[in-house]
Amino acid sequence: MKKQFVGLKKGFLLIEESQDSSYPGVYVSYVENVTDIGQTLCLIEESTDSKAKDAVAIHVWGDCGVDNPTETTTIRKANWNNLCE
């Protein structure tokens, strides 16, 4: 499993590959320097919604006391052909 760290002023972001090969994606967690306690912020993965072709789904955990995501957002890939004109 690959991991990357992005330093912030009071902690760091930990980016880890998802272990579920059926749903490739990454988890983003925040870890405080002082406490060394981490909290999963979101999971970013390819969308499984058939209506959202060529999109990613972002599952956000806004409440650390709840196991399920508190919000899911789908972002479609940009149409790069129209951006370069």
PDB file of N, CA and C in Angstrom:
ATOM      1  N   MET A   1       0.845  -1.177   0.000  1.00  0.00           N
ATOM      2  CA  MET A   1       0.000   0.000   0.000  1.00  0.00           C
ATOM      3  C   MET A   1       0.889   1.238   0.000  1.00  0.00           C
ATOM      4  N   LYS A   2       0.613   2.133  -0.919  1.00  0.00           N
ATOM      5  CA  LYS A   2       1.381   3.369  -1.010  1.00  0.00           C
ATOM      6  C   LYS A   2       0.791   4.414  -0.083  1.00  0.00           C
ATOM      7  N   LYS A   3       1.689   5.214   0.529  1.00  0.00           N
ATOM      8  CA  LYS A   3       1.276   6.312   1.395  1.00  0.00           C
ATOM      9  C   LYS A   3       2.059   7.557   1.011  1.00  0.00           C
ATOM     10  N   GLN A   4       1.398   8.711   1.128  1.00  0.00           N
ATOM     11  CA  GLN A   4       2.069   9.986   0.916  1.00  0.00           C
ATOM     12  C   GLN A   4       1.683  10.914   2.053  1.00  0.00           C
ATOM     13  N   PHE A   5       2.585  11.826   2.373  1.00  0.00           N
ATOM     14  CA  PHE A   5       2.365  12.771   3.454  1.00  0.00           C
ATOM     15  C   PHE A   5       2.497  14.186   2.910  1.00  0.00           C
ATOM     16  N   VAL A   6       1.570  15.048   3.309  1.00  0.00           N
ATOM     17  CA  VAL A   6       1.612  16.455   2.932  1.00  0.00           C
ATOM     18  C   VAL A   6       1.630  17.265   4.221  1.00  0.00           C
ATOM     19  N   GLY A   7       2.740  17.954   4.468  1.00  0.00           N
ATOM     20  CA  GLY A   7       2.895  18.705   5.702  1.00  0.00           C
ATOM     21  C   GLY A   7       2.036  19.949   5.751  1.00  0.00           C
ATOM     22  N   LEU A   8       1.440  20.202   6.903  1.00  0.00           N
ATOM     23  CA  LEU A   8       0.671  21.414   7.171  1.00  0.00           C
ATOM     24  C   LEU A   8       1.269  22.070   8.414  1.00  0.00           C
ATOM     25  N   LYS A   9       0.785  23.238   8.797  1.00  0.00           N
ATOM     26  CA  LYS A   9       1.349  23.943   9.949  1.00  0.00           C
ATOM     27  C   LYS A   9       1.187  23.174  11.258  1.00  0.00           C
ATOM     28  N   LYS A  10       0.026  22.595  11.495  1.00  0.00           N
ATOM     29  CA  LYS A  10      -0.254  21.943  12.780  1.00  0.00           C
ATOM     30  C   LYS A  10      -0.373  20.427  12.669  1.00  0.00           C
ATOM     31  N   GLY A  11      -0.045  19.886  11.526  1.00  0.00           N
ATOM     32  CA  GLY A  11      -0.162  18.451  11.323  1.00  0.00           C
ATOM     33  C   GLY A  11       0.203  18.091   9.900  1.00  0.00           C
ATOM     34  N   PHE A  12      -0.390  17.013   9.411  1.00  0.00           N
ATOM     35  CA  PHE A  12      -0.145  16.610   8.031  1.00  0.00           C
ATOM     36  C   PHE A  12      -1.335  15.832   7.495  1.00  0.00           C
ATOM     37  N   LEU A  13      -1.436  15.799   6.175  1.00  0.00           N
ATOM     38  CA  LEU A  13      -2.417  14.962   5.498  1.00  0.00           C
ATOM     39  C   LEU A  13      -1.738  13.653   5.142  1.00  0.00           C
ATOM     40  N   LEU A  14      -2.414  12.570   5.384  1.00  0.00           N
ATOM     41  CA  LEU A  14      -1.952  11.234   5.035  1.00  0.00           C
ATOM     42  C   LEU A  14      -2.839  10.733   3.908  1.00  0.00           C
ATOM     43  N   ILE A  15      -2.233  10.402   2.773  1.00  0.00           N
ATOM     44  CA  ILE A  15      -2.983   9.913   1.618  1.00  0.00           C
ATOM     45  C   ILE A  15      -2.587   8.454   1.402  1.00  0.00           C
ATOM     46  N   GLU A  16      -3.584   7.552   1.473  1.00  0.00           N
ATOM     47  CA  GLU A  16      -3.344   6.120   1.372  1.00  0.00           C
ATOM     48  C   GLU A  16      -4.243   5.496   0.309  1.00  0.00           C
ATOM     49  N   GLU A  17      -3.696   4.547  -0.418  1.00  0.00           N
ATOM     50  CA  GLU A  17      -4.496   3.822  -1.402  1.00  0.00           C
ATOM     51  C   GLU A  17      -5.539   2.965  -0.705  1.00  0.00           C
ATOM     52  N   SER A  18      -6.719   2.873  -1.326  1.00  0.00           N
ATOM     53  CA  SER A  18      -7.772   1.998  -0.819  1.00  0.00           C
ATOM     54  C   SER A  18      -7.337   0.546  -0.966  1.00  0.00           C
ATOM     55  N   GLN A  19      -7.717  -0.292  -0.009  1.00  0.00           N
ATOM     56  CA  GLN A  19      -7.384  -1.715  -0.041  1.00  0.00           C
ATOM     57  C   GLN A  19      -8.377  -2.525  -0.866  1.00  0.00           C
ATOM     58  N   ASP A  20      -9.498  -1.927  -1.254  1.00  0.00           N
ATOM     59  CA  ASP A  20     -10.544  -2.630  -1.995  1.00  0.00           C
ATOM     60  C   ASP A  20     -10.270  -2.510  -3.491  1.00  0.00           C
ATOM     61  N   SER A  21      -9.788  -3.577  -4.112  1.00  0.00           N
ATOM     62  CA  SER A  21      -9.435  -3.541  -5.535  1.00  0.00           C
ATOM     63  C   SER A  21     -10.647  -3.329  -6.442  1.00  0.00           C
ATOM     64  N   SER A  22     -11.844  -3.582  -5.940  1.00  0.00           N
ATOM     65  CA  SER A  22     -13.056  -3.353  -6.724  1.00  0.00           C
ATOM     66  C   SER A  22     -13.394  -1.866  -6.816  1.00  0.00           C
ATOM     67  N   TYR A  23     -12.899  -1.088  -5.873  1.00  0.00           N
ATOM     68  CA  TYR A  23     -13.165   0.352  -5.820  1.00  0.00           C
ATOM     69  C   TYR A  23     -11.851   1.104  -5.618  1.00  0.00           C
ATOM     70  N   PRO A  24     -11.035   1.224  -6.677  1.00  0.00           N
ATOM     71  CA  PRO A  24      -9.747   1.898  -6.521  1.00  0.00           C
ATOM     72  C   PRO A  24      -9.940   3.372  -6.160  1.00  0.00           C
ATOM     73  N   GLY A  25      -9.139   3.816  -5.213  1.00  0.00           N
ATOM     74  CA  GLY A  25      -9.230   5.204  -4.793  1.00  0.00           C
ATOM     75  C   GLY A  25      -8.230   5.483  -3.692  1.00  0.00           C
ATOM     76  N   VAL A  26      -8.385   6.645  -3.034  1.00  0.00           N
ATOM     77  CA  VAL A  26      -7.485   7.038  -1.955  1.00  0.00           C
ATOM     78  C   VAL A  26      -8.272   7.587  -0.776  1.00  0.00           C
ATOM     79  N   TYR A  27      -7.757   7.307   0.416  1.00  0.00           N
ATOM     80  CA  TYR A  27      -8.273   7.900   1.649  1.00  0.00           C
ATOM     81  C   TYR A  27      -7.389   9.090   1.994  1.00  0.00           C
ATOM     82  N   VAL A  28      -7.999  10.167   2.461  1.00  0.00           N
ATOM     83  CA  VAL A  28      -7.266  11.331   2.929  1.00  0.00           C
ATOM     84  C   VAL A  28      -7.604  11.506   4.409  1.00  0.00           C
ATOM     85  N   SER A  29      -6.567  11.516   5.246  1.00  0.00           N
ATOM     86  CA  SER A  29      -6.735  11.677   6.693  1.00  0.00           C
ATOM     87  C   SER A  29      -5.911  12.862   7.167  1.00  0.00           C
ATOM     88  N   TYR A  30      -6.344  13.482   8.265  1.00  0.00           N
ATOM     89  CA  TYR A  30      -5.593  14.563   8.894  1.00  0.00           C
ATOM     90  C   TYR A  30      -5.036  14.047  10.214  1.00  0.00           C
ATOM     91  N   VAL A  31      -3.749  14.293  10.456  1.00  0.00           N
ATOM     92  CA  VAL A  31      -3.100  13.871  11.689  1.00  0.00           C
ATOM     93  C   VAL A  31      -2.485  15.107  12.341  1.00  0.00           C
ATOM     94  N   GLU A  32      -2.821  15.339  13.616  1.00  0.00           N
ATOM     95  CA  GLU A  32      -2.258  16.469  14.364  1.00  0.00           C
ATOM     96  C   GLU A  32      -0.855  16.131  14.852  1.00  0.00           C
ATOM     97  N   ASN A  33       0.039  17.108  14.790  1.00  0.00           N
ATOM     98  CA  ASN A  33       1.407  16.901  15.291  1.00  0.00           C
ATOM     99  C   ASN A  33       1.429  16.671  16.791  1.00  0.00           C
ATOM    100  N   VAL A  34       0.667  17.453  17.551  1.00  0.00           N
ATOM    101  CA  VAL A  34       0.732  17.417  19.014  1.00  0.00           C
ATOM    102  C   VAL A  34       0.223  16.087  19.570  1.00  0.00           C
ATOM    103  N   THR A  35      -0.922  15.634  19.082  1.00  0.00           N
ATOM    104  CA  THR A  35      -1.538  14.423  19.634  1.00  0.00           C
ATOM    105  C   THR A  35      -1.204  13.160  18.858  1.00  0.00           C
ATOM    106  N   ASP A  36      -0.778  13.320  17.596  1.00  0.00           N
ATOM    107  CA  ASP A  36      -0.518  12.195  16.698  1.00  0.00           C
ATOM    108  C   ASP A  36      -1.786  11.364  16.473  1.00  0.00           C
ATOM    109  N   ILE A  37      -2.942  12.018  16.628  1.00  0.00           N
ATOM    110  CA  ILE A  37      -4.229  11.358  16.398  1.00  0.00           C
ATOM    111  C   ILE A  37      -4.714  11.709  14.996  1.00  0.00           C
ATOM    112  N   GLY A  38      -5.168  10.696  14.251  1.00  0.00           N
ATOM    113  CA  GLY A  38      -5.637  10.902  12.892  1.00  0.00           C
ATOM    114  C   GLY A  38      -7.139  10.773  12.760  1.00  0.00           C
ATOM    115  N   GLN A  39      -7.675  11.443  11.764  1.00  0.00           N
ATOM    116  CA  GLN A  39      -9.105  11.388  11.456  1.00  0.00           C
ATOM    117  C   GLN A  39      -9.255  11.279   9.941  1.00  0.00           C
ATOM    118  N   THR A  40      -9.960  10.244   9.473  1.00  0.00           N
ATOM    119  CA  THR A  40     -10.239  10.129   8.046  1.00  0.00           C
ATOM    120  C   THR A  40     -11.182  11.247   7.632  1.00  0.00           C
ATOM    121  N   LEU A  41     -10.787  11.991   6.606  1.00  0.00           N
ATOM    122  CA  LEU A  41     -11.607  13.088   6.102  1.00  0.00           C
ATOM    123  C   LEU A  41     -12.482  12.656   4.937  1.00  0.00           C
ATOM    124  N   CYS A  42     -11.877  11.912   3.994  1.00  0.00           N
ATOM    125  CA  CYS A  42     -12.661  11.529   2.818  1.00  0.00           C
ATOM    126  C   CYS A  42     -12.026  10.342   2.099  1.00  0.00           C
ATOM    127  N   LEU A  43     -12.832   9.743   1.258  1.00  0.00           N
ATOM    128  CA  LEU A  43     -12.398   8.705   0.327  1.00  0.00           C
ATOM    129  C   LEU A  43     -12.746   9.221  -1.060  1.00  0.00           C
ATOM    130  N   ILE A  44     -11.775   9.214  -1.959  1.00  0.00           N
ATOM    131  CA  ILE A  44     -11.993   9.645  -3.340  1.00  0.00           C
ATOM    132  C   ILE A  44     -11.813   8.411  -4.218  1.00  0.00           C
ATOM    133  N   GLU A  45     -12.842   8.077  -4.995  1.00  0.00           N
ATOM    134  CA  GLU A  45     -12.789   6.874  -5.828  1.00  0.00           C
ATOM    135  C   GLU A  45     -13.554   7.101  -7.117  1.00  0.00           C
ATOM    136  N   GLU A  46     -13.364   6.201  -8.071  1.00  0.00           N
ATOM    137  CA  GLU A  46     -14.129   6.263  -9.305  1.00  0.00           C
ATOM    138  C   GLU A  46     -15.599   6.064  -8.967  1.00  0.00           C
ATOM    139  N   SER A  47     -16.456   6.835  -9.607  1.00  0.00           N
ATOM    140  CA  SER A  47     -17.890   6.751  -9.328  1.00  0.00           C
ATOM    141  C   SER A  47     -18.453   5.428  -9.827  1.00  0.00           C
ATOM    142  N   THR A  48     -19.319   4.825  -9.016  1.00  0.00           N
ATOM    143  CA  THR A  48     -19.999   3.591  -9.412  1.00  0.00           C
ATOM    144  C   THR A  48     -21.394   3.883  -9.953  1.00  0.00           C
ATOM    145  N   ASP A  49     -21.773   5.149  -9.985  1.00  0.00           N
ATOM    146  CA  ASP A  49     -23.081   5.567 -10.482  1.00  0.00           C
ATOM    147  C   ASP A  49     -23.074   5.527 -12.012  1.00  0.00           C
ATOM    148  N   SER A  50     -23.948   4.717 -12.601  1.00  0.00           N
ATOM    149  CA  SER A  50     -23.974   4.573 -14.059  1.00  0.00           C
ATOM    150  C   SER A  50     -24.342   5.878 -14.758  1.00  0.00           C
ATOM    151  N   LYS A  51     -25.036   6.787 -14.078  1.00  0.00           N
ATOM    152  CA  LYS A  51     -25.385   8.087 -14.656  1.00  0.00           C
ATOM    153  C   LYS A  51     -24.223   9.069 -14.612  1.00  0.00           C
ATOM    154  N   ALA A  52     -23.242   8.808 -13.773  1.00  0.00           N
ATOM    155  CA  ALA A  52     -22.099   9.703 -13.615  1.00  0.00           C
ATOM    156  C   ALA A  52     -20.860   9.081 -14.254  1.00  0.00           C
ATOM    157  N   LYS A  53     -20.951   8.834 -15.552  1.00  0.00           N
ATOM    158  CA  LYS A  53     -19.848   8.228 -16.282  1.00  0.00           C
ATOM    159  C   LYS A  53     -18.657   9.187 -16.290  1.00  0.00           C
ATOM    160  N   ASP A  54     -17.451   8.642 -16.206  1.00  0.00           N
ATOM    161  CA  ASP A  54     -16.228   9.447 -16.183  1.00  0.00           C
ATOM    162  C   ASP A  54     -16.264  10.477 -15.058  1.00  0.00           C
ATOM    163  N   ALA A  55     -16.498   9.997 -13.844  1.00  0.00           N
ATOM    164  CA  ALA A  55     -16.581  10.884 -12.688  1.00  0.00           C
ATOM    165  C   ALA A  55     -15.900  10.224 -11.489  1.00  0.00           C
ATOM    166  N   VAL A  56     -15.631  11.036 -10.487  1.00  0.00           N
ATOM    167  CA  VAL A  56     -15.129  10.516  -9.215  1.00  0.00           C
ATOM    168  C   VAL A  56     -16.145  10.832  -8.133  1.00  0.00           C
ATOM    169  N   ALA A  57     -16.204   9.971  -7.137  1.00  0.00           N
ATOM    170  CA  ALA A  57     -17.085  10.180  -5.987  1.00  0.00           C
ATOM    171  C   ALA A  57     -16.207  10.541  -4.795  1.00  0.00           C
ATOM    172  N   ILE A  58     -16.638  11.535  -4.035  1.00  0.00           N
ATOM    173  CA  ILE A  58     -15.930  11.943  -2.828  1.00  0.00           C
ATOM    174  C   ILE A  58     -16.853  11.698  -1.651  1.00  0.00           C
ATOM    175  N   HIS A  59     -16.471  10.764  -0.788  1.00  0.00           N
ATOM    176  CA  HIS A  59     -17.249  10.423   0.399  1.00  0.00           C
ATOM    177  C   HIS A  59     -16.587  11.131   1.580  1.00  0.00           C
ATOM    178  N   VAL A  60     -17.331  12.005   2.260  1.00  0.00           N
ATOM    179  CA  VAL A  60     -16.774  12.838   3.327  1.00  0.00           C
ATOM    180  C   VAL A  60     -17.294  12.378   4.686  1.00  0.00           C
ATOM    181  N   TRP A  61     -16.374  12.261   5.658  1.00  0.00           N
ATOM    182  CA  TRP A  61     -16.739  11.954   7.040  1.00  0.00           C
ATOM    183  C   TRP A  61     -16.664  13.253   7.837  1.00  0.00           C
ATOM    184  N   GLY A  62     -17.814  13.909   8.039  1.00  0.00           N
ATOM    185  CA  GLY A  62     -17.870  15.167   8.765  1.00  0.00           C
ATOM    186  C   GLY A  62     -18.094  14.984  10.248  1.00  0.00           C
ATOM    187  N   ASP A  63     -18.367  13.757  10.670  1.00  0.00           N
ATOM    188  CA  ASP A  63     -18.621  13.461  12.077  1.00  0.00           C
ATOM    189  C   ASP A  63     -17.823  12.212  12.426  1.00  0.00           C
ATOM    190  N   CYS A  64     -16.792  12.370  13.248  1.00  0.00           N
ATOM    191  CA  CYS A  64     -15.909  11.236  13.567  1.00  0.00           C
ATOM    192  C   CYS A  64     -16.614  10.156  14.378  1.00  0.00           C
ATOM    193  N   GLY A  65     -17.803  10.458  14.929  1.00  0.00           N
ATOM    194  CA  GLY A  65     -18.539   9.475  15.705  1.00  0.00           C
ATOM    195  C   GLY A  65     -19.446   8.591  14.863  1.00  0.00           C
ATOM    196  N   VAL A  66     -19.460   8.814  13.548  1.00  0.00           N
ATOM    197  CA  VAL A  66     -20.331   8.057  12.644  1.00  0.00           C
ATOM    198  C   VAL A  66     -19.455   7.286  11.663  1.00  0.00           C
ATOM    199  N   ASP A  67     -19.725   5.975  11.509  1.00  0.00           N
ATOM    200  CA  ASP A  67     -18.925   5.147  10.608  1.00  0.00           C
ATOM    201  C   ASP A  67     -19.172   5.449   9.133  1.00  0.00           C
ATOM    202  N   ASN A  68     -20.415   5.764   8.782  1.00  0.00           N
ATOM    203  CA  ASN A  68     -20.763   6.018   7.379  1.00  0.00           C
ATOM    204  C   ASN A  68     -20.451   7.460   7.002  1.00  0.00           C
ATOM    205  N   PRO A  69     -20.148   7.709   5.721  1.00  0.00           N
ATOM    206  CA  PRO A  69     -19.897   9.087   5.287  1.00  0.00           C
ATOM    207  C   PRO A  69     -21.110   9.977   5.562  1.00  0.00           C
ATOM    208  N   THR A  70     -20.843  11.233   5.902  1.00  0.00           N
ATOM    209  CA  THR A  70     -21.931  12.180   6.144  1.00  0.00           C
ATOM    210  C   THR A  70     -22.358  12.870   4.859  1.00  0.00           C
ATOM    211  N   GLU A  71     -21.530  12.782   3.814  1.00  0.00           N
ATOM    212  CA  GLU A  71     -21.861  13.419   2.539  1.00  0.00           C
ATOM    213  C   GLU A  71     -21.112  12.715   1.417  1.00  0.00           C
ATOM    214  N   THR A  72     -21.745  12.611   0.266  1.00  0.00           N
ATOM    215  CA  THR A  72     -21.085  12.095  -0.933  1.00  0.00           C
ATOM    216  C   THR A  72     -21.347  13.057  -2.082  1.00  0.00           C
ATOM    217  N   THR A  73     -20.279  13.421  -2.766  1.00  0.00           N
ATOM    218  CA  THR A  73     -20.367  14.342  -3.895  1.00  0.00           C
ATOM    219  C   THR A  73     -19.746  13.671  -5.113  1.00  0.00           C
ATOM    220  N   THR A  74     -20.354  13.842  -6.272  1.00  0.00           N
ATOM    221  CA  THR A  74     -19.814  13.308  -7.515  1.00  0.00           C
ATOM    222  C   THR A  74     -19.305  14.463  -8.359  1.00  0.00           C
ATOM    223  N   ILE A  75     -18.063  14.341  -8.829  1.00  0.00           N
ATOM    224  CA  ILE A  75     -17.471  15.372  -9.678  1.00  0.00           C
ATOM    225  C   ILE A  75     -17.117  14.734 -11.011  1.00  0.00           C
ATOM    226  N   ARG A  76     -17.681  15.294 -12.061  1.00  0.00           N
ATOM    227  CA  ARG A  76     -17.425  14.768 -13.408  1.00  0.00           C
ATOM    228  C   ARG A  76     -16.083  15.279 -13.921  1.00  0.00           C
ATOM    229  N   LYS A  77     -15.439  14.452 -14.742  1.00  0.00           N
ATOM    230  CA  LYS A  77     -14.172  14.863 -15.343  1.00  0.00           C
ATOM    231  C   LYS A  77     -14.427  16.024 -16.291  1.00  0.00           C
ATOM    232  N   ALA A  78     -13.463  16.919 -16.379  1.00  0.00           N
ATOM    233  CA  ALA A  78     -13.597  18.093 -17.248  1.00  0.00           C
ATOM    234  C   ALA A  78     -13.486  17.688 -18.715  1.00  0.00           C
ATOM    235  N   ASN A  79     -14.121  18.466 -19.555  1.00  0.00           N
ATOM    236  CA  ASN A  79     -14.008  18.273 -20.998  1.00  0.00           C
ATOM    237  C   ASN A  79     -12.788  19.066 -21.456  1.00  0.00           C
ATOM    238  N   TRP A  80     -11.619  18.422 -21.471  1.00  0.00           N
ATOM    239  CA  TRP A  80     -10.372  19.110 -21.760  1.00  0.00           C
ATOM    240  C   TRP A  80     -10.315  19.700 -23.149  1.00  0.00           C
ATOM    241  N   ASN A  81     -11.027  19.106 -24.107  1.00  0.00           N
ATOM    242  CA  ASN A  81     -11.000  19.631 -25.477  1.00  0.00           C
ATOM    243  C   ASN A  81     -11.516  21.066 -25.545  1.00  0.00           C
ATOM    244  N   ASN A  82     -12.512  21.404 -24.761  1.00  0.00           N
ATOM    245  CA  ASN A  82     -13.078  22.746 -24.795  1.00  0.00           C
ATOM    246  C   ASN A  82     -12.302  23.741 -23.949  1.00  0.00           C
ATOM    247  N   LEU A  83     -11.422  23.280 -23.078  1.00  0.00           N
ATOM    248  CA  LEU A  83     -10.676  24.182 -22.192  1.00  0.00           C
ATOM    249  C   LEU A  83      -9.449  24.779 -22.879  1.00  0.00           C
ATOM    250  N   CYS A  84      -8.998  24.188 -23.950  1.00  0.00           N
ATOM    251  CA  CYS A  84      -7.747  24.631 -24.577  1.00  0.00           C
ATOM    252  C   CYS A  84      -7.964  25.492 -25.818  1.00  0.00           C
ATOM    253  N   GLU A  85      -9.157  25.957 -26.040  1.00  0.00           N
ATOM    254  CA  GLU A  85      -9.428  26.739 -27.264  1.00  0.00           C
ATOM    255  C   GLU A  85      -9.066  28.190 -27.072  1.00  0.00           C
TER     256      GLU A  85
END
